[in-house]
N, C-alpha and C. Protein backbone atom coordinates (compact mmCIF):
# COMPACT_ATOMS: atom_id res chain seq x y z
N UNK A 1 11.53 -14.64 6.57
CA UNK A 1 12.85 -13.98 6.28
C UNK A 1 12.85 -12.87 7.31
N UNK A 2 14.03 -12.58 7.92
CA UNK A 2 14.24 -11.32 8.85
C UNK A 2 14.78 -10.29 7.88
N UNK A 3 14.16 -9.19 8.15
CA UNK A 3 14.55 -7.97 7.14
C UNK A 3 14.88 -6.78 8.14
N UNK A 4 16.02 -6.02 7.92
CA UNK A 4 16.47 -5.01 8.61
C UNK A 4 16.15 -3.75 7.72
N UNK A 5 15.50 -2.82 8.29
CA UNK A 5 15.00 -1.78 7.44
C UNK A 5 15.16 -0.44 8.32
N UNK A 6 15.31 0.72 7.48
CA UNK A 6 15.29 1.86 7.95
C UNK A 6 14.51 2.92 6.82
N UNK A 7 14.28 4.03 7.30
CA UNK A 7 13.68 5.06 6.42
C UNK A 7 14.37 6.37 6.34
N UNK A 8 14.27 7.07 5.34
CA UNK A 8 14.80 8.56 5.46
C UNK A 8 13.73 9.29 4.87
N UNK A 9 13.09 10.16 5.53
CA UNK A 9 11.70 10.86 5.08
C UNK A 9 12.15 12.10 4.50
N UNK A 10 11.17 12.58 3.64
CA UNK A 10 11.21 13.73 2.99
C UNK A 10 12.50 14.12 2.09
N UNK A 11 12.63 13.29 1.15
CA UNK A 11 13.81 13.28 0.38
C UNK A 11 13.68 14.07 -0.86
N UNK A 12 14.77 14.34 -1.52
CA UNK A 12 14.70 15.08 -2.86
C UNK A 12 14.96 13.92 -3.71
N UNK A 13 13.71 13.42 -4.47
CA UNK A 13 13.76 12.35 -5.31
C UNK A 13 14.84 12.30 -6.44
N UNK A 14 15.01 13.49 -7.24
CA UNK A 14 16.06 13.59 -8.17
C UNK A 14 17.34 13.57 -7.66
N UNK A 15 17.60 13.91 -6.40
CA UNK A 15 18.90 13.87 -5.82
C UNK A 15 19.32 12.38 -5.56
N UNK A 16 18.29 11.66 -5.02
CA UNK A 16 18.48 10.17 -4.68
C UNK A 16 18.70 9.48 -5.91
N UNK A 17 17.96 9.69 -6.96
CA UNK A 17 18.14 8.96 -8.30
C UNK A 17 19.52 9.11 -8.82
N UNK A 18 20.11 10.37 -8.76
CA UNK A 18 21.43 10.70 -9.18
C UNK A 18 22.47 10.01 -8.28
N UNK A 19 22.26 9.93 -7.02
CA UNK A 19 23.17 9.28 -6.10
C UNK A 19 23.08 7.80 -6.36
N UNK A 20 21.97 7.17 -6.72
CA UNK A 20 21.85 5.73 -6.90
C UNK A 20 22.56 5.43 -8.34
N UNK A 21 22.45 6.25 -9.22
CA UNK A 21 23.13 6.15 -10.53
C UNK A 21 24.63 6.18 -10.30
N UNK A 22 25.15 7.10 -9.50
CA UNK A 22 26.68 7.29 -9.16
C UNK A 22 27.24 6.11 -8.63
N UNK A 23 26.48 5.30 -7.71
CA UNK A 23 26.94 4.15 -7.12
C UNK A 23 26.57 2.92 -7.82
N UNK A 24 26.08 3.09 -9.03
CA UNK A 24 25.84 1.88 -10.02
C UNK A 24 24.64 0.89 -9.39
N UNK A 25 23.75 1.59 -8.61
CA UNK A 25 22.62 0.65 -8.22
C UNK A 25 21.79 0.42 -9.41
N UNK A 26 21.34 -0.78 -9.49
CA UNK A 26 20.36 -1.24 -10.49
C UNK A 26 18.98 -1.17 -10.26
N UNK A 27 18.21 -0.36 -11.16
CA UNK A 27 16.85 -0.22 -11.05
C UNK A 27 16.16 -1.70 -11.27
N UNK A 28 15.57 -2.11 -10.22
CA UNK A 28 14.88 -3.59 -10.35
C UNK A 28 13.46 -3.53 -10.34
N UNK A 29 12.75 -2.36 -9.93
CA UNK A 29 11.40 -2.36 -9.91
C UNK A 29 10.84 -0.84 -10.10
N UNK A 30 9.83 -0.81 -10.85
CA UNK A 30 9.07 0.46 -11.00
C UNK A 30 7.67 0.03 -11.06
N UNK A 31 6.88 0.46 -10.06
CA UNK A 31 5.53 -0.06 -10.04
C UNK A 31 4.65 0.84 -9.34
N UNK A 32 3.25 0.77 -9.60
CA UNK A 32 2.18 1.27 -8.94
C UNK A 32 1.69 0.11 -7.98
N UNK A 33 1.34 0.52 -6.64
CA UNK A 33 0.95 -0.56 -5.76
C UNK A 33 -0.24 -0.04 -5.11
N UNK A 34 -1.09 -1.07 -4.86
CA UNK A 34 -2.28 -0.98 -3.87
C UNK A 34 -1.98 -2.08 -2.80
N UNK A 35 -2.02 -1.50 -1.59
CA UNK A 35 -1.80 -2.21 -0.40
C UNK A 35 -2.85 -2.28 0.51
N UNK A 36 -3.59 -3.43 0.66
CA UNK A 36 -4.68 -3.77 1.45
C UNK A 36 -4.40 -4.22 2.68
N UNK A 37 -4.34 -3.52 3.80
CA UNK A 37 -3.94 -3.87 5.19
C UNK A 37 -5.18 -4.57 5.87
N UNK A 38 -4.90 -5.73 6.52
CA UNK A 38 -6.05 -6.50 7.28
C UNK A 38 -5.50 -6.74 8.71
N UNK A 39 -6.33 -6.86 9.68
CA UNK A 39 -6.17 -7.14 10.95
C UNK A 39 -7.52 -7.68 11.64
N UNK A 40 -7.34 -8.34 12.82
CA UNK A 40 -8.32 -8.77 13.56
C UNK A 40 -9.22 -7.59 13.99
N UNK A 41 -10.50 -7.75 14.36
CA UNK A 41 -11.26 -6.74 14.83
C UNK A 41 -10.77 -5.98 16.16
N UNK A 42 -10.02 -6.73 16.88
CA UNK A 42 -9.45 -6.23 18.07
C UNK A 42 -8.08 -5.42 17.77
N UNK A 43 -7.57 -5.50 16.47
CA UNK A 43 -6.34 -4.78 16.15
C UNK A 43 -5.12 -5.31 16.72
N UNK A 44 -5.08 -6.60 16.97
CA UNK A 44 -4.05 -7.22 17.65
C UNK A 44 -2.78 -7.27 16.85
N UNK A 45 -2.87 -7.36 15.55
CA UNK A 45 -1.61 -7.40 14.71
C UNK A 45 -1.02 -5.81 14.71
N UNK A 46 -1.86 -4.78 14.37
CA UNK A 46 -1.23 -3.57 14.31
C UNK A 46 -0.75 -3.07 15.73
N UNK A 47 -1.54 -3.47 16.79
CA UNK A 47 -1.13 -3.14 18.20
C UNK A 47 0.30 -3.59 18.51
N UNK A 48 0.72 -4.63 17.84
CA UNK A 48 2.13 -5.19 17.98
C UNK A 48 2.89 -4.81 16.80
N UNK A 49 2.58 -3.68 16.00
CA UNK A 49 3.35 -3.16 14.88
C UNK A 49 3.37 -4.19 13.70
N UNK A 50 2.61 -5.04 13.58
CA UNK A 50 2.54 -5.96 12.48
C UNK A 50 1.16 -5.72 11.70
N UNK A 51 1.17 -6.70 10.61
CA UNK A 51 -0.15 -6.63 9.72
C UNK A 51 -0.16 -7.85 8.78
N UNK A 52 -1.27 -7.89 8.19
CA UNK A 52 -1.58 -8.85 7.10
C UNK A 52 -1.84 -7.88 5.95
N UNK A 53 -1.28 -8.34 4.69
CA UNK A 53 -1.47 -7.62 3.63
C UNK A 53 -1.63 -8.19 2.29
N UNK A 54 -2.51 -7.67 1.46
CA UNK A 54 -2.61 -8.05 0.07
C UNK A 54 -2.16 -6.90 -0.77
N UNK A 55 -1.17 -7.33 -1.62
CA UNK A 55 -0.37 -6.08 -2.34
C UNK A 55 -0.75 -6.53 -3.84
N UNK A 56 -1.31 -5.39 -4.49
CA UNK A 56 -1.64 -5.59 -5.97
C UNK A 56 -0.51 -4.63 -6.70
N UNK A 57 0.19 -5.18 -7.47
CA UNK A 57 1.29 -4.61 -8.14
C UNK A 57 1.03 -4.44 -9.58
N UNK A 58 1.17 -3.15 -10.11
CA UNK A 58 1.36 -2.98 -11.65
C UNK A 58 2.79 -2.68 -11.88
N UNK A 59 3.42 -3.84 -12.42
CA UNK A 59 4.83 -3.74 -12.72
C UNK A 59 5.00 -3.00 -14.03
N UNK A 60 5.47 -1.85 -13.89
CA UNK A 60 5.61 -0.92 -15.18
C UNK A 60 6.74 -1.46 -16.13
N UNK A 61 7.81 -1.96 -15.48
CA UNK A 61 9.05 -2.40 -16.28
C UNK A 61 8.50 -3.56 -17.05
N UNK A 62 7.97 -4.49 -16.59
CA UNK A 62 7.52 -5.78 -17.37
C UNK A 62 6.10 -5.71 -17.72
N UNK A 63 5.49 -4.83 -17.64
CA UNK A 63 4.12 -4.63 -18.05
C UNK A 63 3.16 -5.88 -17.64
N UNK A 64 2.97 -5.91 -16.35
CA UNK A 64 2.23 -7.12 -15.96
C UNK A 64 1.69 -6.66 -14.45
N UNK A 65 0.87 -7.53 -14.08
CA UNK A 65 0.19 -7.35 -12.69
C UNK A 65 0.53 -8.58 -11.96
N UNK A 66 0.92 -8.31 -10.57
CA UNK A 66 1.34 -9.35 -9.63
C UNK A 66 0.59 -9.06 -8.34
N UNK A 67 0.32 -10.16 -7.67
CA UNK A 67 -0.45 -10.13 -6.46
C UNK A 67 0.39 -10.92 -5.32
N UNK A 68 0.51 -10.23 -4.15
CA UNK A 68 1.16 -10.92 -2.99
C UNK A 68 0.38 -10.88 -1.68
N UNK A 69 0.45 -11.92 -0.94
CA UNK A 69 -0.14 -12.03 0.37
C UNK A 69 1.08 -12.17 1.38
N UNK A 70 0.99 -11.32 2.43
CA UNK A 70 2.13 -11.04 3.25
C UNK A 70 1.64 -10.97 4.65
N UNK A 71 2.45 -11.36 5.68
CA UNK A 71 2.20 -11.11 7.05
C UNK A 71 3.61 -10.63 7.46
N UNK A 72 3.55 -9.52 8.39
CA UNK A 72 4.80 -9.00 8.97
C UNK A 72 4.55 -8.89 10.40
N UNK A 73 5.71 -9.23 11.08
CA UNK A 73 5.50 -9.18 12.62
C UNK A 73 6.86 -8.33 12.95
N UNK A 74 6.65 -7.41 13.94
CA UNK A 74 7.73 -6.58 14.46
C UNK A 74 8.69 -7.44 15.45
N UNK A 75 9.83 -7.37 15.32
CA UNK A 75 10.75 -8.08 16.31
C UNK A 75 11.43 -6.92 17.11
N UNK A 76 11.98 -5.90 16.46
CA UNK A 76 12.63 -4.89 17.17
C UNK A 76 12.54 -3.46 16.45
N UNK A 77 12.71 -2.51 17.16
CA UNK A 77 12.51 -1.25 16.57
C UNK A 77 13.46 -0.14 17.21
N UNK A 78 14.67 -0.70 17.68
CA UNK A 78 15.67 0.36 18.25
C UNK A 78 16.31 1.21 17.25
N UNK A 79 17.48 0.55 16.79
CA UNK A 79 18.41 1.28 15.80
C UNK A 79 17.77 1.03 14.43
N UNK A 80 17.09 -0.05 14.20
CA UNK A 80 16.47 -0.36 12.80
C UNK A 80 15.16 -0.97 13.17
N UNK A 81 14.33 -1.08 12.06
CA UNK A 81 13.14 -1.85 12.14
C UNK A 81 13.52 -3.17 11.77
N UNK A 82 13.29 -4.19 12.58
CA UNK A 82 13.56 -5.51 12.31
C UNK A 82 12.15 -6.34 12.30
N UNK A 83 12.00 -7.01 11.17
CA UNK A 83 10.74 -7.75 11.10
C UNK A 83 10.84 -9.03 10.56
N UNK A 84 9.90 -9.95 10.97
CA UNK A 84 9.82 -11.23 10.30
C UNK A 84 9.00 -10.88 9.10
N UNK A 85 9.15 -11.48 8.12
CA UNK A 85 8.15 -11.24 6.82
C UNK A 85 8.01 -12.59 6.26
N UNK A 86 6.71 -12.92 5.96
CA UNK A 86 6.33 -14.03 5.20
C UNK A 86 5.45 -13.64 4.03
N UNK A 87 5.87 -14.02 2.85
CA UNK A 87 5.23 -13.34 1.72
C UNK A 87 5.22 -14.51 0.64
N UNK A 88 3.98 -14.61 -0.08
CA UNK A 88 3.79 -15.49 -1.11
C UNK A 88 3.16 -14.88 -2.25
N UNK A 89 3.60 -15.24 -3.54
CA UNK A 89 2.89 -14.46 -4.68
C UNK A 89 1.73 -15.46 -4.83
N UNK A 90 0.61 -14.83 -5.13
CA UNK A 90 -0.74 -15.51 -5.37
C UNK A 90 -1.18 -14.92 -6.79
N UNK A 91 -2.06 -15.79 -7.33
CA UNK A 91 -2.55 -15.41 -8.66
C UNK A 91 -3.85 -14.80 -8.76
N UNK A 92 -4.41 -14.42 -7.51
CA UNK A 92 -5.69 -13.80 -7.41
C UNK A 92 -5.88 -13.12 -6.22
N UNK A 93 -5.83 -11.69 -6.19
CA UNK A 93 -5.81 -10.88 -5.01
C UNK A 93 -7.21 -11.13 -4.16
N UNK A 94 -8.34 -11.17 -5.00
CA UNK A 94 -9.59 -11.34 -4.10
C UNK A 94 -9.54 -12.64 -3.37
N UNK A 95 -9.08 -13.73 -3.93
CA UNK A 95 -8.93 -15.03 -3.16
C UNK A 95 -8.06 -14.80 -1.92
N UNK A 96 -6.95 -14.02 -2.06
CA UNK A 96 -6.20 -13.82 -0.89
C UNK A 96 -6.99 -13.08 0.15
N UNK A 97 -7.68 -12.02 -0.23
CA UNK A 97 -8.56 -11.30 0.66
C UNK A 97 -9.62 -12.23 1.38
N UNK A 98 -10.05 -13.19 0.58
CA UNK A 98 -11.18 -14.13 1.10
C UNK A 98 -10.47 -14.97 2.20
N UNK A 99 -9.27 -15.41 1.96
CA UNK A 99 -8.56 -16.27 2.97
C UNK A 99 -8.39 -15.36 4.27
N UNK A 100 -7.91 -14.22 4.20
CA UNK A 100 -7.77 -13.43 5.25
C UNK A 100 -9.06 -13.22 6.12
N UNK A 101 -10.20 -13.04 5.33
CA UNK A 101 -11.48 -12.78 5.85
C UNK A 101 -11.93 -14.10 6.58
N UNK A 102 -11.69 -15.32 6.01
CA UNK A 102 -12.20 -16.52 6.43
C UNK A 102 -11.45 -16.71 7.81
N UNK A 103 -10.24 -16.24 7.95
CA UNK A 103 -9.59 -16.36 9.14
C UNK A 103 -9.94 -15.38 10.34
N UNK A 104 -10.89 -14.55 9.86
CA UNK A 104 -11.38 -13.49 10.89
C UNK A 104 -10.75 -12.18 10.73
N UNK A 105 -9.93 -11.93 9.74
CA UNK A 105 -9.38 -10.62 9.58
C UNK A 105 -10.31 -9.70 8.84
N UNK A 106 -10.16 -8.40 9.04
CA UNK A 106 -11.01 -7.44 8.13
C UNK A 106 -10.15 -6.43 7.58
N UNK A 107 -10.52 -5.73 6.39
CA UNK A 107 -9.72 -4.72 5.70
C UNK A 107 -9.89 -3.55 6.65
N UNK A 108 -8.58 -2.91 7.08
CA UNK A 108 -8.44 -1.85 7.79
C UNK A 108 -8.25 -0.58 7.04
N UNK A 109 -7.44 -0.82 5.99
CA UNK A 109 -6.89 0.37 5.25
C UNK A 109 -6.39 -0.01 3.81
N UNK A 110 -6.66 0.86 2.81
CA UNK A 110 -5.97 0.71 1.40
C UNK A 110 -5.21 1.91 1.15
N UNK A 111 -3.92 1.56 0.92
CA UNK A 111 -2.85 2.47 0.67
C UNK A 111 -2.43 2.33 -0.79
N UNK A 112 -2.34 3.60 -1.49
CA UNK A 112 -1.80 3.56 -2.94
C UNK A 112 -0.48 4.23 -2.95
N UNK A 113 0.45 3.68 -3.66
CA UNK A 113 1.73 4.37 -3.86
C UNK A 113 2.45 4.02 -5.10
N UNK A 114 3.42 4.88 -5.38
CA UNK A 114 4.41 4.49 -6.51
C UNK A 114 5.65 4.25 -5.94
N UNK A 115 6.35 3.20 -6.35
CA UNK A 115 7.68 2.76 -5.82
C UNK A 115 8.68 2.47 -6.91
N UNK A 116 9.74 2.93 -6.64
CA UNK A 116 10.97 2.58 -7.48
C UNK A 116 11.95 1.84 -6.60
N UNK A 117 12.36 0.73 -7.04
CA UNK A 117 13.30 0.01 -6.32
C UNK A 117 14.65 -0.15 -6.86
N UNK A 118 15.84 -0.07 -6.22
CA UNK A 118 17.12 -0.22 -6.71
C UNK A 118 17.96 -1.22 -5.95
N UNK A 119 18.91 -1.93 -6.44
CA UNK A 119 19.71 -2.96 -5.82
C UNK A 119 21.16 -2.47 -5.73
N UNK A 120 21.65 -2.50 -4.47
CA UNK A 120 23.14 -2.07 -4.33
C UNK A 120 23.66 -3.15 -3.65
N UNK A 121 24.51 -4.10 -4.18
CA UNK A 121 25.10 -5.34 -3.53
C UNK A 121 23.89 -6.22 -3.15
N UNK A 122 23.70 -6.40 -1.87
CA UNK A 122 22.47 -7.15 -1.43
C UNK A 122 21.47 -6.37 -0.58
N UNK A 123 21.51 -5.04 -1.07
CA UNK A 123 20.49 -4.16 -0.30
C UNK A 123 19.56 -3.42 -1.19
N UNK A 124 18.40 -3.35 -0.75
CA UNK A 124 17.38 -2.80 -1.66
C UNK A 124 17.10 -1.44 -1.13
N UNK A 125 17.00 -0.46 -2.07
CA UNK A 125 16.64 0.90 -1.81
C UNK A 125 15.50 1.29 -2.63
N UNK A 126 14.43 1.59 -1.91
CA UNK A 126 13.13 1.87 -2.40
C UNK A 126 12.56 3.36 -2.31
N UNK A 127 12.38 4.05 -3.44
CA UNK A 127 11.83 5.31 -3.28
C UNK A 127 10.21 5.18 -3.28
N UNK A 128 9.63 5.62 -2.23
CA UNK A 128 8.15 5.54 -2.17
C UNK A 128 7.38 6.89 -2.13
N UNK A 129 6.51 7.03 -3.05
CA UNK A 129 5.62 8.16 -3.05
C UNK A 129 4.21 7.73 -2.89
N UNK A 130 3.61 7.99 -1.73
CA UNK A 130 2.38 7.73 -1.41
C UNK A 130 1.38 8.75 -1.87
N UNK A 131 0.00 8.20 -1.76
CA UNK A 131 -0.94 9.26 -2.07
C UNK A 131 -0.76 10.33 -0.95
N UNK A 132 -0.79 11.60 -1.41
CA UNK A 132 -0.61 12.57 -0.45
C UNK A 132 -1.56 12.60 0.84
N UNK A 133 -2.77 12.02 0.51
CA UNK A 133 -3.71 11.98 1.73
C UNK A 133 -3.35 10.97 2.64
N UNK A 134 -2.48 10.07 2.31
CA UNK A 134 -1.93 9.09 3.50
C UNK A 134 -0.64 9.44 4.03
N UNK A 135 0.22 9.81 3.19
CA UNK A 135 1.70 10.32 3.64
C UNK A 135 1.98 11.43 2.78
N UNK A 136 2.46 12.52 3.30
CA UNK A 136 2.65 13.77 2.50
C UNK A 136 3.92 13.91 1.86
N UNK A 137 5.07 13.11 2.33
CA UNK A 137 6.37 13.24 1.89
C UNK A 137 6.80 11.97 1.14
N UNK A 138 7.75 12.23 0.09
CA UNK A 138 8.45 11.00 -0.57
C UNK A 138 9.57 10.69 0.53
N UNK A 139 9.91 9.23 0.44
CA UNK A 139 10.85 8.95 1.30
C UNK A 139 11.48 7.45 0.76
N UNK A 140 12.65 7.16 1.38
CA UNK A 140 13.34 5.96 0.86
C UNK A 140 13.35 4.91 2.11
N UNK A 141 13.19 3.66 1.76
CA UNK A 141 13.34 2.59 2.66
C UNK A 141 14.56 1.93 2.11
N UNK A 142 15.35 1.70 3.07
CA UNK A 142 16.52 0.79 2.81
C UNK A 142 16.47 -0.44 3.52
N UNK A 143 16.52 -1.57 2.78
CA UNK A 143 16.27 -3.01 3.31
C UNK A 143 17.44 -3.81 3.05
N UNK A 144 17.93 -4.62 4.16
CA UNK A 144 18.96 -5.44 4.01
C UNK A 144 18.89 -6.62 4.91
N UNK A 145 19.79 -7.50 4.88
CA UNK A 145 19.94 -8.56 5.83
C UNK A 145 21.29 -8.30 6.54
N UNK A 146 22.08 -7.31 6.08
CA UNK A 146 23.47 -7.07 6.49
C UNK A 146 23.38 -5.56 7.12
N UNK A 147 23.55 -5.47 8.41
CA UNK A 147 23.59 -4.13 9.13
C UNK A 147 24.67 -3.30 8.41
N UNK A 148 26.01 -3.75 8.32
CA UNK A 148 27.00 -2.93 7.76
C UNK A 148 26.81 -2.45 6.32
N UNK A 149 26.16 -3.29 5.65
CA UNK A 149 25.98 -2.88 4.19
C UNK A 149 24.86 -1.80 4.16
N UNK A 150 23.72 -2.02 5.12
CA UNK A 150 22.68 -0.98 5.16
C UNK A 150 23.30 0.48 5.46
N UNK A 151 24.26 0.44 6.58
CA UNK A 151 24.87 1.73 6.94
C UNK A 151 25.77 2.28 5.78
N UNK A 152 26.38 1.37 5.10
CA UNK A 152 27.14 1.76 3.76
C UNK A 152 26.29 2.56 2.78
N UNK A 153 25.26 2.10 2.43
CA UNK A 153 24.13 2.70 1.66
C UNK A 153 23.90 4.06 2.10
N UNK A 154 23.43 4.17 3.47
CA UNK A 154 22.90 5.39 4.07
C UNK A 154 24.05 6.41 3.82
N UNK A 155 25.22 6.12 3.97
CA UNK A 155 26.44 7.01 3.72
C UNK A 155 26.59 7.32 2.48
N UNK A 156 26.66 6.37 1.50
CA UNK A 156 26.71 6.69 0.11
C UNK A 156 25.52 7.50 -0.60
N UNK A 157 24.37 7.54 0.07
CA UNK A 157 23.32 8.41 -0.39
C UNK A 157 23.50 9.80 0.35
N UNK A 158 24.45 10.08 1.11
CA UNK A 158 24.78 11.23 1.65
C UNK A 158 24.13 11.75 2.92
N UNK A 159 23.55 10.47 3.73
CA UNK A 159 23.12 10.67 4.97
C UNK A 159 23.96 10.16 6.08
N UNK A 160 23.48 10.27 7.37
CA UNK A 160 24.05 9.66 8.33
C UNK A 160 23.08 8.75 9.09
N UNK A 161 23.39 7.94 9.88
CA UNK A 161 22.44 7.11 10.83
C UNK A 161 21.49 8.08 11.59
N UNK A 162 21.87 9.22 11.92
CA UNK A 162 20.95 10.16 12.53
C UNK A 162 19.79 10.62 11.74
N UNK A 163 19.96 10.68 10.41
CA UNK A 163 18.98 10.92 9.47
C UNK A 163 17.78 9.90 9.29
N UNK A 164 18.26 8.72 9.82
CA UNK A 164 17.26 7.61 9.51
C UNK A 164 16.27 7.30 10.61
N UNK A 165 15.18 6.59 10.30
CA UNK A 165 14.03 6.41 11.20
C UNK A 165 13.55 4.96 11.11
N UNK A 166 13.62 4.23 12.20
CA UNK A 166 13.44 2.85 12.27
C UNK A 166 11.86 2.66 12.43
N UNK A 167 11.08 3.79 12.63
CA UNK A 167 9.64 3.63 12.92
C UNK A 167 8.93 3.16 11.82
N UNK A 168 7.76 2.67 12.04
CA UNK A 168 6.60 2.33 10.99
C UNK A 168 6.17 3.70 10.43
N UNK A 169 5.59 3.61 9.21
CA UNK A 169 4.95 4.82 8.55
C UNK A 169 3.81 5.31 9.47
N UNK A 170 3.06 4.33 9.97
CA UNK A 170 1.87 4.79 10.85
C UNK A 170 2.45 5.51 12.07
N UNK A 171 3.60 5.11 12.75
CA UNK A 171 4.03 5.83 13.93
C UNK A 171 4.79 7.20 13.52
N UNK A 172 5.44 7.27 12.28
CA UNK A 172 5.78 8.54 11.77
C UNK A 172 4.67 9.52 11.56
N UNK A 173 3.46 9.07 10.95
CA UNK A 173 2.25 9.72 10.73
C UNK A 173 1.73 10.32 12.11
N UNK A 174 1.79 9.56 13.09
CA UNK A 174 1.25 9.94 14.28
C UNK A 174 2.16 10.95 14.97
N UNK A 175 3.38 10.89 14.76
CA UNK A 175 4.26 12.07 15.21
C UNK A 175 4.08 13.41 14.46
N UNK A 176 3.96 13.20 13.13
CA UNK A 176 3.74 14.36 12.32
C UNK A 176 2.43 15.08 12.76
N UNK A 177 1.32 14.26 12.99
CA UNK A 177 -0.05 14.78 13.24
C UNK A 177 -0.09 15.42 14.64
N UNK A 178 0.90 14.91 15.62
CA UNK A 178 0.89 15.45 17.01
C UNK A 178 1.70 16.75 16.92
N UNK A 179 2.57 16.92 16.09
CA UNK A 179 3.49 18.02 16.05
C UNK A 179 2.87 19.17 15.26
N UNK A 180 1.68 18.95 14.53
CA UNK A 180 1.08 19.97 13.79
C UNK A 180 -0.29 20.53 14.44
């Protein structure tokens, strides 16, 4: 699946929640996540701004645990981040990790975060709060397959396209670290 995505960094969470309520966006997820990022020893996936991931989800709304195996590949990063994403739900995170390892990938990083997701039309708006040791600010990711709808959501949330960022979290972290 091709995904168009942008981020807005360092948000006011309560303000965003209120705006989502005002546009009748429906809360579809509330979860704690552990994201295990895998790559080959030469970092060929990350160097191309892609990765392999095992995601462990504590679904707070439905009181259950879910596991996903994902590969993401960067297609474009000009106006928006455009990625190919291949994801499948698995029933055992450890077996997913073992498959990646059998293919020659190794665990590169483990990232924990809290996520709330809302649906507006066909667009997903996700409030992400990572462990501060990984990423210090809350942010929203806006994902859609429709560029015009994505722009509509940005404006409805009180922002402009100038406020958005198509970069990966790792690229944004590099910029923050270089500027400090």
